Amino acid sequence: MVLLLVLSACAATTSKNAADASNRHRAKIYTDLGSGYYEQGLMANALDAFNEAARIDPDYALPYGGLGLVHASLKQDEEARESFRHALQLDPKSSEAHNNYGTFLCSRGYIDESITEFLAAVRNPLYPTPELAYLNAGTCAEKKKDGKNAEIYLTRALQLQPGLRQANYQLAKLYFDREDYFQARKFLQQAMLNIDATPEMLWLGVRIERQLGGSDAESSYRMLLKNKYPNSEQTRAMLSGE
C-alpha cells in the first residue's frame, strides 16, 4: 500500500511538472510575441501578448518586465512601476529587469532609486552586458550633477567595453563642463571613431576646439555640422553665435 501511494504521488508530481513545463513554453511564446510587437511600436498588441503570457504562467517574470516597458511607453507610470516590481519579486536576480526598471526610474527623475537598480543589475556575474548598466548609471548621475559618481560609472563602462560610444561621449561632456578641455577632446575623438558623428558630437567638438585654440579643427567641425545637419538645433546654435 505504501509503495502504491508513493508511485501515485510520483505520477502526480510528474504530471504537474509536465503541465508547468507546457505552460512555461506557451508563456514564452507569447512573451516573445509581445517583445516583437514592442520593438515595432505596436503597444496594444504587445500589451495583449504579455498579459496572455502572464495569465498562462503567473510565476514567469519576463512578461511582467515586458508589461513594465509597455506601460512606461504609454506613460502609465503606476502600472509600469507595479509590473517592474512584480517581475523582480519573481526573479530578484534578473539584471535585465533591474536595468529596465532603473531606466524607467531615471526617465521619471527618481535618480537615486534608478542608480540602485543599475548597480543591482551589475552584481549578477552572469549579466552579459554590465557595461550598459554602468553607462545608464553614469548618465543618470549626470542628470543630478553628480560628476564624481558619473565619472566612476562611465569609466567602469569603458573598462568593460572600451569602444562604447555613448560612454566616451558622456565623459567628453563631463570634462568639457569641468573645463578640462584636453580630456574632453580625447574622449570625444574616441566617441567618433569609425562612426558618423551626431550633431551633438560635432557641436561639442566646435566648442572644445574653440577653447583649445584649435582653429583648423574647429573649422572642420563647423563645416561638418553645417553640411551634414543644416537644420539641426546645434547648427542653429552655432550660426547664431557667429
C-alpha atoms as a PDB file:
ATOM      1  CA  MET A   1       0.000   0.000   0.000  1.00  0.00           C
ATOM      2  CA  VAL A   2       2.797   2.423   0.880  1.00  0.00           C
ATOM      3  CA  LEU A   3       4.526   1.662  -2.386  1.00  0.00           C
ATOM      4  CA  LEU A   4       1.349   2.364  -4.329  1.00  0.00           C
ATOM      5  CA  LEU A   5       0.928   5.693  -2.568  1.00  0.00           C
ATOM      6  CA  VAL A   6       4.490   6.659  -3.390  1.00  0.00           C
ATOM      7  CA  LEU A   7       4.014   5.677  -7.004  1.00  0.00           C
ATOM      8  CA  SER A   8       0.785   7.652  -7.192  1.00  0.00           C
ATOM      9  CA  ALA A   9       2.483  10.688  -5.699  1.00  0.00           C
ATOM     10  CA  CYS A  10       5.335  10.397  -8.198  1.00  0.00           C
ATOM     11  CA  ALA A  11       2.880  10.131 -11.064  1.00  0.00           C
ATOM     12  CA  ALA A  12       1.006  13.201  -9.856  1.00  0.00           C
ATOM     13  CA  THR A  13       4.254  15.155  -9.491  1.00  0.00           C
ATOM     14  CA  THR A  14       5.390  14.133 -12.966  1.00  0.00           C
ATOM     15  CA  SER A  15       2.048  15.203 -14.406  1.00  0.00           C
ATOM     16  CA  LYS A  16       2.247  18.575 -12.638  1.00  0.00           C
ATOM     17  CA  ASN A  17       5.815  19.144 -13.805  1.00  0.00           C
ATOM     18  CA  ALA A  18       4.805  18.378 -17.371  1.00  0.00           C
ATOM     19  CA  ALA A  19       1.893  20.817 -17.123  1.00  0.00           C
ATOM     20  CA  ASP A  20       4.166  23.512 -15.667  1.00  0.00           C
ATOM     21  CA  ALA A  21       6.691  23.000 -18.458  1.00  0.00           C
ATOM     22  CA  SER A  22       3.943  23.224 -21.054  1.00  0.00           C
ATOM     23  CA  ASN A  23       2.612  26.446 -19.531  1.00  0.00           C
ATOM     24  CA  ARG A  24       6.091  27.956 -19.401  1.00  0.00           C
ATOM     25  CA  HIS A  25       6.648  27.067 -23.057  1.00  0.00           C
ATOM     26  CA  ARG A  26       3.349  28.663 -24.086  1.00  0.00           C
ATOM     27  CA  ALA A  27       4.026  31.721 -21.934  1.00  0.00           C
ATOM     28  CA  LYS A  28       7.445  32.105 -23.532  1.00  0.00           C
ATOM     29  CA  ILE A  29       5.876  32.059 -26.999  1.00  0.00           C
ATOM     30  CA  TYR A  30       3.530  34.894 -26.035  1.00  0.00           C
ATOM     31  CA  THR A  31       6.372  36.774 -24.332  1.00  0.00           C
ATOM     32  CA  ASP A  32       8.498  36.572 -27.474  1.00  0.00           C
ATOM     33  CA  LEU A  33       5.486  37.717 -29.482  1.00  0.00           C
ATOM     34  CA  GLY A  34       4.984  40.658 -27.128  1.00  0.00           C
ATOM     35  CA  SER A  35       8.653  41.607 -27.422  1.00  0.00           C
ATOM     36  CA  GLY A  36       8.361  41.658 -31.197  1.00  0.00           C
ATOM     37  CA  TYR A  37       5.281  43.854 -31.052  1.00  0.00           C
ATOM     38  CA  TYR A  38       7.009  46.182 -28.574  1.00  0.00           C
ATOM     39  CA  GLU A  39      10.034  46.608 -30.840  1.00  0.00           C
ATOM     40  CA  GLN A  40       7.686  47.501 -33.708  1.00  0.00           C
ATOM     41  CA  GLY A  41       5.870  50.079 -31.576  1.00  0.00           C
ATOM     42  CA  LEU A  42       2.617  48.073 -31.584  1.00  0.00           C
ATOM     43  CA  MET A  43       1.854  48.689 -27.922  1.00  0.00           C
ATOM     44  CA  ALA A  44      -1.741  47.419 -27.836  1.00  0.00           C
ATOM     45  CA  ASN A  45      -0.670  44.111 -29.375  1.00  0.00           C
ATOM     46  CA  ALA A  46       2.323  43.890 -27.040  1.00  0.00           C
ATOM     47  CA  LEU A  47       0.084  44.517 -24.042  1.00  0.00           C
ATOM     48  CA  ASP A  48      -2.273  41.716 -25.070  1.00  0.00           C
ATOM     49  CA  ALA A  49       0.565  39.259 -25.667  1.00  0.00           C
ATOM     50  CA  PHE A  50       2.349  39.974 -22.375  1.00  0.00           C
ATOM     51  CA  ASN A  51      -0.927  39.781 -20.442  1.00  0.00           C
ATOM     52  CA  GLU A  52      -1.712  36.422 -22.023  1.00  0.00           C
ATOM     53  CA  ALA A  53       1.758  35.138 -21.105  1.00  0.00           C
ATOM     54  CA  ALA A  54       1.245  36.258 -17.504  1.00  0.00           C
ATOM     55  CA  ARG A  55      -2.197  34.623 -17.420  1.00  0.00           C
ATOM     56  CA  ILE A  56      -0.820  31.298 -18.656  1.00  0.00           C
ATOM     57  CA  ASP A  57       2.140  31.284 -16.247  1.00  0.00           C
ATOM     58  CA  PRO A  58       1.742  33.783 -13.372  1.00  0.00           C
ATOM     59  CA  ASP A  59       5.144  32.776 -11.953  1.00  0.00           C
ATOM     60  CA  TYR A  60       7.066  33.721 -15.114  1.00  0.00           C
ATOM     61  CA  ALA A  61       8.917  37.008 -14.586  1.00  0.00           C
ATOM     62  CA  LEU A  62       9.652  38.007 -18.188  1.00  0.00           C
ATOM     63  CA  PRO A  63       6.128  39.022 -19.292  1.00  0.00           C
ATOM     64  CA  TYR A  64       5.845  41.323 -16.270  1.00  0.00           C
ATOM     65  CA  GLY A  65       9.075  43.008 -17.300  1.00  0.00           C
ATOM     66  CA  GLY A  66       7.589  43.398 -20.771  1.00  0.00           C
ATOM     67  CA  LEU A  67       4.435  44.898 -19.300  1.00  0.00           C
ATOM     68  CA  GLY A  68       6.609  47.388 -17.431  1.00  0.00           C
ATOM     69  CA  LEU A  69       8.207  48.531 -20.685  1.00  0.00           C
ATOM     70  CA  VAL A  70       4.846  48.870 -22.449  1.00  0.00           C
ATOM     71  CA  HIS A  71       3.210  50.787 -19.605  1.00  0.00           C
ATOM     72  CA  ALA A  72       6.259  53.068 -19.401  1.00  0.00           C
ATOM     73  CA  SER A  73       5.983  53.804 -23.129  1.00  0.00           C
ATOM     74  CA  LEU A  74       2.290  54.617 -22.663  1.00  0.00           C
ATOM     75  CA  LYS A  75       3.097  56.948 -19.726  1.00  0.00           C
ATOM     76  CA  GLN A  76       1.153  54.679 -17.384  1.00  0.00           C
ATOM     77  CA  ASP A  77       3.652  55.113 -14.596  1.00  0.00           C
ATOM     78  CA  GLU A  78       1.873  53.365 -11.723  1.00  0.00           C
ATOM     79  CA  GLU A  79       1.214  50.295 -13.850  1.00  0.00           C
ATOM     80  CA  ALA A  80       4.813  50.343 -15.087  1.00  0.00           C
ATOM     81  CA  ARG A  81       6.250  50.532 -11.588  1.00  0.00           C
ATOM     82  CA  GLU A  82       3.960  47.742 -10.373  1.00  0.00           C
ATOM     83  CA  SER A  83       4.893  45.493 -13.303  1.00  0.00           C
ATOM     84  CA  PHE A  84       8.642  46.009 -12.888  1.00  0.00           C
ATOM     85  CA  ARG A  85       8.412  45.335  -9.158  1.00  0.00           C
ATOM     86  CA  HIS A  86       6.401  42.169  -9.725  1.00  0.00           C
ATOM     87  CA  ALA A  87       8.975  40.944 -12.235  1.00  0.00           C
ATOM     88  CA  LEU A  88      11.714  41.486  -9.653  1.00  0.00           C
ATOM     89  CA  GLN A  89       9.712  39.751  -6.932  1.00  0.00           C
ATOM     90  CA  LEU A  90       9.534  36.688  -9.166  1.00  0.00           C
ATOM     91  CA  ASP A  91      13.182  36.906 -10.258  1.00  0.00           C
ATOM     92  CA  PRO A  92      15.217  39.157  -7.927  1.00  0.00           C
ATOM     93  CA  LYS A  93      18.463  38.408  -9.784  1.00  0.00           C
ATOM     94  CA  SER A  94      17.179  39.474 -13.212  1.00  0.00           C
ATOM     95  CA  SER A  95      19.725  42.045 -14.359  1.00  0.00           C
ATOM     96  CA  GLU A  96      17.569  42.931 -17.361  1.00  0.00           C
ATOM     97  CA  ALA A  97      14.621  43.740 -15.089  1.00  0.00           C
ATOM     98  CA  HIS A  98      16.821  45.814 -12.763  1.00  0.00           C
ATOM     99  CA  ASN A  99      18.303  47.706 -15.719  1.00  0.00           C
ATOM    100  CA  ASN A 100      14.928  48.337 -17.366  1.00  0.00           C
ATOM    101  CA  TYR A 101      13.341  49.430 -14.099  1.00  0.00           C
ATOM    102  CA  GLY A 102      16.305  51.716 -13.466  1.00  0.00           C
ATOM    103  CA  THR A 103      15.926  53.254 -16.918  1.00  0.00           C
ATOM    104  CA  PHE A 104      12.253  53.928 -16.214  1.00  0.00           C
ATOM    105  CA  LEU A 105      13.021  55.496 -12.827  1.00  0.00           C
ATOM    106  CA  CYS A 106      15.767  57.696 -14.272  1.00  0.00           C
ATOM    107  CA  SER A 107      13.461  58.931 -17.029  1.00  0.00           C
ATOM    108  CA  ARG A 108      10.955  59.971 -14.365  1.00  0.00           C
ATOM    109  CA  GLY A 109      13.518  61.785 -12.240  1.00  0.00           C
ATOM    110  CA  TYR A 110      13.980  59.194  -9.482  1.00  0.00           C
ATOM    111  CA  ILE A 111      17.742  59.372  -9.787  1.00  0.00           C
ATOM    112  CA  ASP A 112      18.903  57.679  -6.585  1.00  0.00           C
ATOM    113  CA  GLU A 113      16.384  54.846  -6.945  1.00  0.00           C
ATOM    114  CA  SER A 114      17.440  54.300 -10.535  1.00  0.00           C
ATOM    115  CA  ILE A 115      21.140  54.045  -9.708  1.00  0.00           C
ATOM    116  CA  THR A 116      20.320  51.481  -7.015  1.00  0.00           C
ATOM    117  CA  GLU A 117      18.665  49.371  -9.717  1.00  0.00           C
ATOM    118  CA  PHE A 118      21.556  49.761 -12.170  1.00  0.00           C
ATOM    119  CA  LEU A 119      24.064  48.683  -9.538  1.00  0.00           C
ATOM    120  CA  ALA A 120      21.864  45.720  -8.625  1.00  0.00           C
ATOM    121  CA  ALA A 121      21.997  44.698 -12.286  1.00  0.00           C
ATOM    122  CA  VAL A 122      25.805  44.562 -12.374  1.00  0.00           C
ATOM    123  CA  ARG A 123      26.054  42.485  -9.200  1.00  0.00           C
ATOM    124  CA  ASN A 124      24.932  39.463 -11.186  1.00  0.00           C
ATOM    125  CA  PRO A 125      28.165  37.894 -12.542  1.00  0.00           C
ATOM    126  CA  LEU A 126      26.184  36.236 -15.344  1.00  0.00           C
ATOM    127  CA  TYR A 127      24.825  39.517 -16.721  1.00  0.00           C
ATOM    128  CA  PRO A 128      26.181  39.663 -20.302  1.00  0.00           C
ATOM    129  CA  THR A 129      26.152  43.478 -20.695  1.00  0.00           C
ATOM    130  CA  PRO A 130      27.109  45.123 -17.375  1.00  0.00           C
ATOM    131  CA  GLU A 131      28.719  47.995 -19.294  1.00  0.00           C
ATOM    132  CA  LEU A 132      25.256  49.175 -20.346  1.00  0.00           C
ATOM    133  CA  ALA A 133      24.038  49.316 -16.751  1.00  0.00           C
ATOM    134  CA  TYR A 134      27.163  51.290 -15.775  1.00  0.00           C
ATOM    135  CA  LEU A 135      26.561  53.617 -18.733  1.00  0.00           C
ATOM    136  CA  ASN A 136      22.985  54.152 -17.596  1.00  0.00           C
ATOM    137  CA  ALA A 137      24.113  54.785 -14.021  1.00  0.00           C
ATOM    138  CA  GLY A 138      26.658  57.353 -15.211  1.00  0.00           C
ATOM    139  CA  THR A 139      24.185  59.091 -17.490  1.00  0.00           C
ATOM    140  CA  CYS A 140      21.627  59.270 -14.697  1.00  0.00           C
ATOM    141  CA  ALA A 141      24.188  60.531 -12.172  1.00  0.00           C
ATOM    142  CA  GLU A 142      24.992  63.363 -14.583  1.00  0.00           C
ATOM    143  CA  LYS A 143      21.337  64.387 -14.508  1.00  0.00           C
ATOM    144  CA  LYS A 144      21.685  65.314 -10.837  1.00  0.00           C
ATOM    145  CA  LYS A 145      25.063  66.976 -11.451  1.00  0.00           C
ATOM    146  CA  ASP A 146      26.882  64.211  -9.579  1.00  0.00           C
ATOM    147  CA  GLY A 147      30.001  64.396 -11.702  1.00  0.00           C
ATOM    148  CA  LYS A 148      32.143  62.358  -9.318  1.00  0.00           C
ATOM    149  CA  ASN A 149      29.980  59.241  -9.466  1.00  0.00           C
ATOM    150  CA  ALA A 150      29.130  59.781 -13.127  1.00  0.00           C
ATOM    151  CA  GLU A 151      32.852  59.635 -13.907  1.00  0.00           C
ATOM    152  CA  ILE A 152      33.255  56.438 -11.860  1.00  0.00           C
ATOM    153  CA  TYR A 153      30.370  54.648 -13.565  1.00  0.00           C
ATOM    154  CA  LEU A 154      31.254  55.791 -17.085  1.00  0.00           C
ATOM    155  CA  THR A 155      34.900  54.857 -16.613  1.00  0.00           C
ATOM    156  CA  ARG A 156      33.844  51.421 -15.427  1.00  0.00           C
ATOM    157  CA  ALA A 157      31.667  51.038 -18.530  1.00  0.00           C
ATOM    158  CA  LEU A 158      34.679  51.809 -20.719  1.00  0.00           C
ATOM    159  CA  GLN A 159      36.883  49.376 -18.812  1.00  0.00           C
ATOM    160  CA  LEU A 160      34.388  46.677 -19.747  1.00  0.00           C
ATOM    161  CA  GLN A 161      33.880  47.884 -23.321  1.00  0.00           C
ATOM    162  CA  PRO A 162      36.477  50.475 -24.414  1.00  0.00           C
ATOM    163  CA  GLY A 163      34.681  51.335 -27.635  1.00  0.00           C
ATOM    164  CA  LEU A 164      31.353  52.150 -26.002  1.00  0.00           C
ATOM    165  CA  ARG A 165      30.461  55.261 -27.948  1.00  0.00           C
ATOM    166  CA  GLN A 166      27.933  56.832 -25.611  1.00  0.00           C
ATOM    167  CA  ALA A 167      30.165  56.428 -22.555  1.00  0.00           C
ATOM    168  CA  ASN A 168      33.017  58.193 -24.360  1.00  0.00           C
ATOM    169  CA  TYR A 169      30.672  60.993 -25.397  1.00  0.00           C
ATOM    170  CA  GLN A 170      29.235  61.399 -21.895  1.00  0.00           C
ATOM    171  CA  LEU A 171      32.749  61.637 -20.448  1.00  0.00           C
ATOM    172  CA  ALA A 172      33.684  64.208 -23.095  1.00  0.00           C
ATOM    173  CA  LYS A 173      30.729  66.338 -21.992  1.00  0.00           C
ATOM    174  CA  LEU A 174      31.608  65.862 -18.337  1.00  0.00           C
ATOM    175  CA  TYR A 175      35.214  67.005 -18.838  1.00  0.00           C
ATOM    176  CA  PHE A 176      34.080  69.928 -21.000  1.00  0.00           C
ATOM    177  CA  ASP A 177      31.841  71.106 -18.173  1.00  0.00           C
ATOM    178  CA  ARG A 178      34.839  70.833 -15.830  1.00  0.00           C
ATOM    179  CA  GLU A 179      36.876  72.925 -18.289  1.00  0.00           C
ATOM    180  CA  ASP A 180      39.299  70.026 -18.744  1.00  0.00           C
ATOM    181  CA  TYR A 181      39.355  70.516 -22.493  1.00  0.00           C
ATOM    182  CA  PHE A 182      42.211  68.159 -23.367  1.00  0.00           C
ATOM    183  CA  GLN A 183      40.433  65.270 -21.671  1.00  0.00           C
ATOM    184  CA  ALA A 184      37.193  66.327 -23.347  1.00  0.00           C
ATOM    185  CA  ARG A 185      38.919  66.253 -26.739  1.00  0.00           C
ATOM    186  CA  LYS A 186      40.394  62.810 -26.040  1.00  0.00           C
ATOM    187  CA  PHE A 187      37.059  61.196 -25.188  1.00  0.00           C
ATOM    188  CA  LEU A 188      35.184  62.941 -27.981  1.00  0.00           C
ATOM    189  CA  GLN A 189      37.696  61.626 -30.509  1.00  0.00           C
ATOM    190  CA  GLN A 190      37.164  58.129 -29.110  1.00  0.00           C
ATOM    191  CA  ALA A 191      33.403  58.553 -29.394  1.00  0.00           C
ATOM    192  CA  MET A 192      33.664  59.478 -33.068  1.00  0.00           C
ATOM    193  CA  LEU A 193      35.962  56.646 -34.165  1.00  0.00           C
ATOM    194  CA  ASN A 194      34.638  54.756 -37.200  1.00  0.00           C
ATOM    195  CA  ILE A 195      31.115  56.169 -36.985  1.00  0.00           C
ATOM    196  CA  ASP A 196      29.155  59.100 -38.346  1.00  0.00           C
ATOM    197  CA  ALA A 197      29.274  61.828 -35.734  1.00  0.00           C
ATOM    198  CA  THR A 198      25.958  63.103 -34.423  1.00  0.00           C
ATOM    199  CA  PRO A 199      25.168  66.841 -34.436  1.00  0.00           C
ATOM    200  CA  GLU A 200      25.601  66.825 -30.651  1.00  0.00           C
ATOM    201  CA  MET A 201      29.128  65.448 -31.013  1.00  0.00           C
ATOM    202  CA  LEU A 202      30.112  67.908 -33.730  1.00  0.00           C
ATOM    203  CA  TRP A 203      28.787  70.869 -31.760  1.00  0.00           C
ATOM    204  CA  LEU A 204      30.717  69.712 -28.703  1.00  0.00           C
ATOM    205  CA  GLY A 205      33.803  69.431 -30.908  1.00  0.00           C
ATOM    206  CA  VAL A 206      33.343  73.032 -32.082  1.00  0.00           C
ATOM    207  CA  ARG A 207      33.212  74.287 -28.507  1.00  0.00           C
ATOM    208  CA  ILE A 208      36.138  72.168 -27.299  1.00  0.00           C
ATOM    209  CA  GLU A 209      38.431  73.312 -30.108  1.00  0.00           C
ATOM    210  CA  ARG A 210      37.365  76.923 -29.606  1.00  0.00           C
ATOM    211  CA  GLN A 211      38.575  76.682 -26.010  1.00  0.00           C
ATOM    212  CA  LEU A 212      41.832  74.986 -27.047  1.00  0.00           C
ATOM    213  CA  GLY A 213      42.526  77.410 -29.871  1.00  0.00           C
ATOM    214  CA  GLY A 214      42.448  74.659 -32.479  1.00  0.00           C
ATOM    215  CA  SER A 215      41.184  76.844 -35.287  1.00  0.00           C
ATOM    216  CA  ASP A 216      41.639  74.241 -38.043  1.00  0.00           C
ATOM    217  CA  ALA A 217      39.863  71.534 -36.055  1.00  0.00           C
ATOM    218  CA  GLU A 218      37.107  73.952 -35.068  1.00  0.00           C
ATOM    219  CA  SER A 219      36.603  74.932 -38.708  1.00  0.00           C
ATOM    220  CA  SER A 220      36.423  71.267 -39.685  1.00  0.00           C
ATOM    221  CA  TYR A 221      33.780  70.550 -37.062  1.00  0.00           C
ATOM    222  CA  ARG A 222      31.823  73.633 -38.102  1.00  0.00           C
ATOM    223  CA  MET A 223      31.851  72.618 -41.758  1.00  0.00           C
ATOM    224  CA  LEU A 224      30.754  69.062 -40.986  1.00  0.00           C
ATOM    225  CA  LEU A 225      27.950  70.244 -38.732  1.00  0.00           C
ATOM    226  CA  LYS A 226      26.661  72.803 -41.212  1.00  0.00           C
ATOM    227  CA  ASN A 227      26.866  70.483 -44.230  1.00  0.00           C
ATOM    228  CA  LYS A 228      25.576  67.265 -42.671  1.00  0.00           C
ATOM    229  CA  TYR A 229      22.938  68.680 -40.327  1.00  0.00           C
ATOM    230  CA  PRO A 230      21.878  72.066 -41.753  1.00  0.00           C
ATOM    231  CA  ASN A 231      18.542  72.085 -39.939  1.00  0.00           C
ATOM    232  CA  SER A 232      19.676  70.778 -36.572  1.00  0.00           C
ATOM    233  CA  GLU A 233      19.316  72.637 -33.312  1.00  0.00           C
ATOM    234  CA  GLN A 234      23.100  72.515 -32.915  1.00  0.00           C
ATOM    235  CA  THR A 235      23.699  74.140 -36.318  1.00  0.00           C
ATOM    236  CA  ARG A 236      21.273  76.919 -35.454  1.00  0.00           C
ATOM    237  CA  ALA A 237      23.066  77.470 -32.149  1.00  0.00           C
ATOM    238  CA  MET A 238      26.419  77.603 -33.934  1.00  0.00           C
ATOM    239  CA  LEU A 239      25.226  80.059 -36.590  1.00  0.00           C
ATOM    240  CA  SER A 240      23.530  82.297 -34.062  1.00  0.00           C
ATOM    241  CA  GLY A 241      26.885  82.752 -32.337  1.00  0.00           C
ATOM    242  CA  GLU A 242      28.729  83.836 -35.462  1.00  0.00           C
END
